[in-house]
Amino acid sequence: MLIGRVIGEVVATQKHPSHEARKTLLVQPLNLDDSDRGDAVVALDAVQAGIGDKVLLTTDGYAAFTALGLSQAPVDMAVIGVVDNIDLSVDLGLAPPPPAL
């Protein structure tokens, strides 16, 4: 999964029948500091996201077509959530403990 920002919509006159009436978005993957992470990708929208929204993007085909309610559709990526907040201050216990005195 990736975090990204919707930067546009894609319009196609020809597409697979399972994609009919589905919104296709152009999403820029982001690092946790909101800087761009690689190139923009195309994903089907499962949550009615809009331009400017920070979103959760699945890059797993099975998760993508399942989130869209499509069975065995040719989908590689889907927007599956709109991100409200990211809190990086939570201690997950991964940092080494402070030195003992």
N, C-alpha and C. Protein backbone atom coordinates (compact mmCIF):
# COMPACT_ATOMS: atom_id res chain seq x y z
N MET A 1 0.84 -1.18 0.00
CA MET A 1 0.00 0.00 0.00
C MET A 1 0.88 1.23 0.00
N LEU A 2 0.33 2.28 -0.56
CA LEU A 2 1.02 3.56 -0.65
C LEU A 2 0.09 4.67 -0.18
N ILE A 3 0.69 5.76 0.23
CA ILE A 3 -0.05 7.00 0.47
C ILE A 3 0.22 7.89 -0.73
N GLY A 4 -0.79 8.57 -1.21
CA GLY A 4 -0.62 9.44 -2.37
C GLY A 4 -1.59 10.60 -2.35
N ARG A 5 -1.42 11.49 -3.32
CA ARG A 5 -2.33 12.63 -3.48
C ARG A 5 -2.92 12.55 -4.87
N VAL A 6 -4.24 12.72 -4.95
CA VAL A 6 -4.92 12.71 -6.25
C VAL A 6 -4.57 14.01 -6.96
N ILE A 7 -4.00 13.88 -8.16
CA ILE A 7 -3.58 15.07 -8.91
C ILE A 7 -4.37 15.26 -10.21
N GLY A 8 -5.26 14.31 -10.50
CA GLY A 8 -6.06 14.46 -11.70
C GLY A 8 -6.98 13.29 -11.93
N GLU A 9 -7.84 13.44 -12.94
CA GLU A 9 -8.72 12.36 -13.36
C GLU A 9 -8.33 11.96 -14.77
N VAL A 10 -8.52 10.68 -15.09
CA VAL A 10 -8.18 10.16 -16.41
C VAL A 10 -9.48 9.84 -17.14
N VAL A 11 -9.60 10.32 -18.37
CA VAL A 11 -10.77 10.04 -19.20
C VAL A 11 -10.32 9.16 -20.35
N ALA A 12 -11.03 8.05 -20.56
CA ALA A 12 -10.69 7.12 -21.64
C ALA A 12 -11.95 6.81 -22.44
N THR A 13 -11.84 6.90 -23.74
CA THR A 13 -12.99 6.59 -24.59
C THR A 13 -13.15 5.09 -24.78
N GLN A 14 -12.07 4.33 -24.64
CA GLN A 14 -12.12 2.88 -24.76
C GLN A 14 -11.54 2.28 -23.49
N LYS A 15 -12.27 1.37 -22.87
CA LYS A 15 -11.75 0.70 -21.69
C LYS A 15 -12.43 -0.65 -21.51
N HIS A 16 -11.87 -1.44 -20.64
CA HIS A 16 -12.41 -2.77 -20.35
C HIS A 16 -13.85 -2.62 -19.83
N PRO A 17 -14.75 -3.52 -20.19
CA PRO A 17 -16.15 -3.42 -19.74
C PRO A 17 -16.31 -3.32 -18.22
N SER A 18 -15.42 -3.95 -17.46
CA SER A 18 -15.54 -3.88 -15.99
C SER A 18 -15.21 -2.49 -15.45
N HIS A 19 -14.59 -1.64 -16.27
CA HIS A 19 -14.24 -0.29 -15.84
C HIS A 19 -15.28 0.75 -16.23
N GLU A 20 -16.32 0.35 -16.95
CA GLU A 20 -17.37 1.28 -17.34
C GLU A 20 -18.00 1.90 -16.09
N ALA A 21 -18.27 3.19 -16.15
CA ALA A 21 -18.89 3.96 -15.06
C ALA A 21 -18.03 4.01 -13.81
N ARG A 22 -16.75 3.75 -13.93
CA ARG A 22 -15.81 3.84 -12.81
C ARG A 22 -14.93 5.07 -13.00
N LYS A 23 -14.69 5.80 -11.91
CA LYS A 23 -13.80 6.96 -11.97
C LYS A 23 -12.36 6.48 -11.91
N THR A 24 -11.54 7.01 -12.82
CA THR A 24 -10.12 6.67 -12.88
C THR A 24 -9.33 7.91 -12.48
N LEU A 25 -8.41 7.72 -11.52
CA LEU A 25 -7.67 8.85 -10.96
C LEU A 25 -6.18 8.75 -11.26
N LEU A 26 -5.54 9.90 -11.35
CA LEU A 26 -4.09 9.99 -11.45
C LEU A 26 -3.60 10.35 -10.05
N VAL A 27 -2.76 9.47 -9.49
CA VAL A 27 -2.33 9.62 -8.09
C VAL A 27 -0.81 9.71 -8.02
N GLN A 28 -0.33 10.73 -7.32
CA GLN A 28 1.11 10.89 -7.08
C GLN A 28 1.46 10.24 -5.75
N PRO A 29 2.21 9.12 -5.75
CA PRO A 29 2.63 8.53 -4.48
C PRO A 29 3.49 9.52 -3.69
N LEU A 30 3.38 9.45 -2.36
CA LEU A 30 4.09 10.39 -1.48
C LEU A 30 4.93 9.65 -0.45
N ASN A 31 6.02 10.30 -0.05
CA ASN A 31 6.76 9.88 1.13
C ASN A 31 6.02 10.41 2.35
N LEU A 32 6.42 9.97 3.54
CA LEU A 32 5.71 10.42 4.75
C LEU A 32 5.87 11.92 5.01
N ASP A 33 6.88 12.56 4.40
CA ASP A 33 7.05 14.01 4.55
C ASP A 33 6.32 14.78 3.45
N ASP A 34 5.45 14.10 2.70
CA ASP A 34 4.65 14.67 1.61
C ASP A 34 5.45 15.00 0.35
N SER A 35 6.70 14.60 0.27
CA SER A 35 7.44 14.78 -0.98
C SER A 35 7.05 13.67 -1.95
N ASP A 36 7.20 13.96 -3.25
CA ASP A 36 6.84 12.98 -4.28
C ASP A 36 7.70 11.74 -4.17
N ARG A 37 7.07 10.59 -4.42
CA ARG A 37 7.77 9.30 -4.39
C ARG A 37 7.57 8.64 -5.76
N GLY A 38 8.49 8.86 -6.67
CA GLY A 38 8.39 8.25 -7.99
C GLY A 38 7.38 8.95 -8.88
N ASP A 39 6.96 8.22 -9.91
CA ASP A 39 6.04 8.75 -10.90
C ASP A 39 4.58 8.56 -10.47
N ALA A 40 3.71 9.39 -11.03
CA ALA A 40 2.28 9.26 -10.78
C ALA A 40 1.78 7.95 -11.38
N VAL A 41 0.69 7.41 -10.79
CA VAL A 41 0.11 6.15 -11.24
C VAL A 41 -1.38 6.35 -11.50
N VAL A 42 -1.95 5.43 -12.26
CA VAL A 42 -3.38 5.45 -12.56
C VAL A 42 -4.06 4.39 -11.69
N ALA A 43 -5.16 4.77 -11.04
CA ALA A 43 -5.87 3.85 -10.16
C ALA A 43 -7.37 4.07 -10.27
N LEU A 44 -8.13 3.00 -10.12
CA LEU A 44 -9.59 3.12 -10.06
C LEU A 44 -9.99 3.57 -8.66
N ASP A 45 -11.04 4.36 -8.59
CA ASP A 45 -11.49 4.95 -7.32
C ASP A 45 -12.59 4.11 -6.69
N ALA A 46 -12.37 3.68 -5.44
CA ALA A 46 -13.37 2.91 -4.71
C ALA A 46 -14.06 3.74 -3.62
N VAL A 47 -13.62 4.99 -3.41
CA VAL A 47 -14.10 5.76 -2.26
C VAL A 47 -14.55 7.18 -2.59
N GLN A 48 -14.73 7.50 -3.87
CA GLN A 48 -15.16 8.84 -4.28
C GLN A 48 -14.17 9.93 -3.86
N ALA A 49 -12.89 9.66 -4.05
CA ALA A 49 -11.85 10.65 -3.76
C ALA A 49 -11.87 11.73 -4.84
N GLY A 50 -11.31 12.87 -4.51
CA GLY A 50 -11.27 13.97 -5.46
C GLY A 50 -9.88 14.56 -5.57
N ILE A 51 -9.69 15.43 -6.53
CA ILE A 51 -8.40 16.08 -6.74
C ILE A 51 -8.00 16.82 -5.47
N GLY A 52 -6.75 16.59 -5.04
CA GLY A 52 -6.22 17.22 -3.83
C GLY A 52 -6.31 16.34 -2.60
N ASP A 53 -7.13 15.30 -2.63
CA ASP A 53 -7.26 14.40 -1.47
C ASP A 53 -6.00 13.57 -1.28
N LYS A 54 -5.61 13.39 -0.02
CA LYS A 54 -4.56 12.43 0.32
C LYS A 54 -5.26 11.09 0.48
N VAL A 55 -4.73 10.05 -0.18
CA VAL A 55 -5.45 8.77 -0.25
C VAL A 55 -4.54 7.59 0.07
N LEU A 56 -5.18 6.47 0.38
CA LEU A 56 -4.52 5.20 0.56
C LEU A 56 -4.72 4.41 -0.73
N LEU A 57 -3.63 3.92 -1.27
CA LEU A 57 -3.63 3.27 -2.58
C LEU A 57 -3.12 1.84 -2.43
N THR A 58 -3.92 0.87 -2.87
CA THR A 58 -3.43 -0.50 -2.88
C THR A 58 -2.81 -0.81 -4.23
N THR A 59 -1.68 -1.49 -4.20
CA THR A 59 -0.98 -1.86 -5.42
C THR A 59 -1.07 -3.36 -5.66
N ASP A 60 -1.92 -4.02 -4.92
CA ASP A 60 -2.13 -5.46 -5.07
C ASP A 60 -3.40 -5.68 -5.90
N GLY A 61 -3.30 -6.40 -6.98
CA GLY A 61 -4.43 -6.59 -7.87
C GLY A 61 -5.64 -7.22 -7.20
N TYR A 62 -5.43 -8.25 -6.36
CA TYR A 62 -6.55 -8.91 -5.69
C TYR A 62 -7.27 -7.94 -4.76
N ALA A 63 -6.50 -7.21 -3.96
CA ALA A 63 -7.10 -6.23 -3.04
C ALA A 63 -7.82 -5.13 -3.82
N ALA A 64 -7.26 -4.73 -4.96
CA ALA A 64 -7.86 -3.67 -5.76
C ALA A 64 -9.22 -4.09 -6.31
N PHE A 65 -9.30 -5.25 -6.97
CA PHE A 65 -10.60 -5.61 -7.55
C PHE A 65 -11.61 -6.03 -6.50
N THR A 66 -11.13 -6.49 -5.34
CA THR A 66 -12.04 -6.81 -4.25
C THR A 66 -12.63 -5.53 -3.66
N ALA A 67 -11.80 -4.51 -3.45
CA ALA A 67 -12.28 -3.24 -2.91
C ALA A 67 -13.30 -2.58 -3.83
N LEU A 68 -13.14 -2.80 -5.11
CA LEU A 68 -14.05 -2.22 -6.09
C LEU A 68 -15.32 -3.04 -6.28
N GLY A 69 -15.37 -4.23 -5.69
CA GLY A 69 -16.53 -5.10 -5.85
C GLY A 69 -16.58 -5.77 -7.21
N LEU A 70 -15.42 -5.91 -7.83
CA LEU A 70 -15.33 -6.54 -9.14
C LEU A 70 -14.66 -7.90 -8.99
N SER A 71 -15.18 -8.89 -9.67
CA SER A 71 -14.62 -10.23 -9.57
C SER A 71 -13.68 -10.49 -10.73
N GLN A 72 -12.43 -10.72 -10.42
CA GLN A 72 -11.41 -11.06 -11.42
C GLN A 72 -11.27 -10.01 -12.52
N ALA A 73 -11.46 -8.76 -12.19
CA ALA A 73 -11.31 -7.68 -13.17
C ALA A 73 -9.83 -7.33 -13.33
N PRO A 74 -9.42 -6.85 -14.49
CA PRO A 74 -8.03 -6.47 -14.71
C PRO A 74 -7.71 -5.12 -14.07
N VAL A 75 -7.43 -5.16 -12.77
CA VAL A 75 -7.14 -3.95 -12.01
C VAL A 75 -5.85 -4.18 -11.24
N ASP A 76 -4.91 -3.25 -11.34
CA ASP A 76 -3.66 -3.35 -10.59
C ASP A 76 -3.64 -2.44 -9.38
N MET A 77 -4.33 -1.30 -9.45
CA MET A 77 -4.30 -0.33 -8.36
C MET A 77 -5.68 0.27 -8.14
N ALA A 78 -5.97 0.55 -6.87
CA ALA A 78 -7.24 1.19 -6.54
C ALA A 78 -7.04 2.12 -5.34
N VAL A 79 -7.75 3.23 -5.36
CA VAL A 79 -7.80 4.12 -4.21
C VAL A 79 -8.84 3.52 -3.26
N ILE A 80 -8.39 3.16 -2.04
CA ILE A 80 -9.28 2.45 -1.12
C ILE A 80 -9.56 3.22 0.16
N GLY A 81 -9.04 4.43 0.30
CA GLY A 81 -9.32 5.23 1.48
C GLY A 81 -8.86 6.66 1.30
N VAL A 82 -9.52 7.56 2.02
CA VAL A 82 -9.10 8.95 2.08
C VAL A 82 -8.46 9.15 3.45
N VAL A 83 -7.23 9.67 3.45
CA VAL A 83 -6.45 9.82 4.68
C VAL A 83 -6.82 11.14 5.34
N ASP A 84 -7.26 11.07 6.59
CA ASP A 84 -7.57 12.27 7.34
C ASP A 84 -6.35 12.83 8.06
N ASN A 85 -5.53 11.93 8.64
CA ASN A 85 -4.43 12.36 9.47
C ASN A 85 -3.38 11.25 9.52
N ILE A 86 -2.12 11.65 9.59
CA ILE A 86 -1.04 10.70 9.80
C ILE A 86 -0.29 11.16 11.03
N ASP A 87 -0.20 10.31 12.03
CA ASP A 87 0.48 10.64 13.29
C ASP A 87 1.71 9.76 13.41
N LEU A 88 2.88 10.37 13.29
CA LEU A 88 4.13 9.63 13.38
C LEU A 88 4.74 9.67 14.77
N SER A 89 4.03 10.24 15.73
CA SER A 89 4.57 10.37 17.08
C SER A 89 4.31 9.14 17.94
N VAL A 90 3.60 8.17 17.42
CA VAL A 90 3.28 6.98 18.20
C VAL A 90 4.53 6.13 18.36
N ASP A 91 4.84 5.73 19.59
CA ASP A 91 6.00 4.88 19.86
C ASP A 91 5.60 3.43 19.63
N LEU A 92 6.17 2.81 18.62
CA LEU A 92 5.86 1.43 18.30
C LEU A 92 6.81 0.46 18.98
N GLY A 93 7.68 0.98 19.82
CA GLY A 93 8.62 0.11 20.52
C GLY A 93 9.74 -0.38 19.63
N LEU A 94 9.98 0.29 18.52
CA LEU A 94 11.01 -0.14 17.58
C LEU A 94 12.35 0.52 17.86
N ALA A 95 12.33 1.64 18.57
CA ALA A 95 13.58 2.35 18.87
C ALA A 95 14.28 1.63 20.00
N PRO A 96 15.62 1.66 19.99
CA PRO A 96 16.34 1.02 21.09
C PRO A 96 16.05 1.73 22.40
N PRO A 97 16.03 1.02 23.49
CA PRO A 97 15.75 1.66 24.78
C PRO A 97 16.89 2.60 25.15
N PRO A 98 16.59 3.62 25.99
CA PRO A 98 17.66 4.55 26.42
C PRO A 98 18.68 3.79 27.27
N PRO A 99 19.91 4.28 27.26
CA PRO A 99 20.94 3.59 28.06
C PRO A 99 20.61 3.62 29.55
N ALA A 100 20.93 2.53 30.23
CA ALA A 100 20.69 2.46 31.68
C ALA A 100 21.73 3.30 32.41
N LEU A 101 21.30 3.91 33.50
CA LEU A 101 22.23 4.75 34.30
C LEU A 101 22.80 3.98 35.43
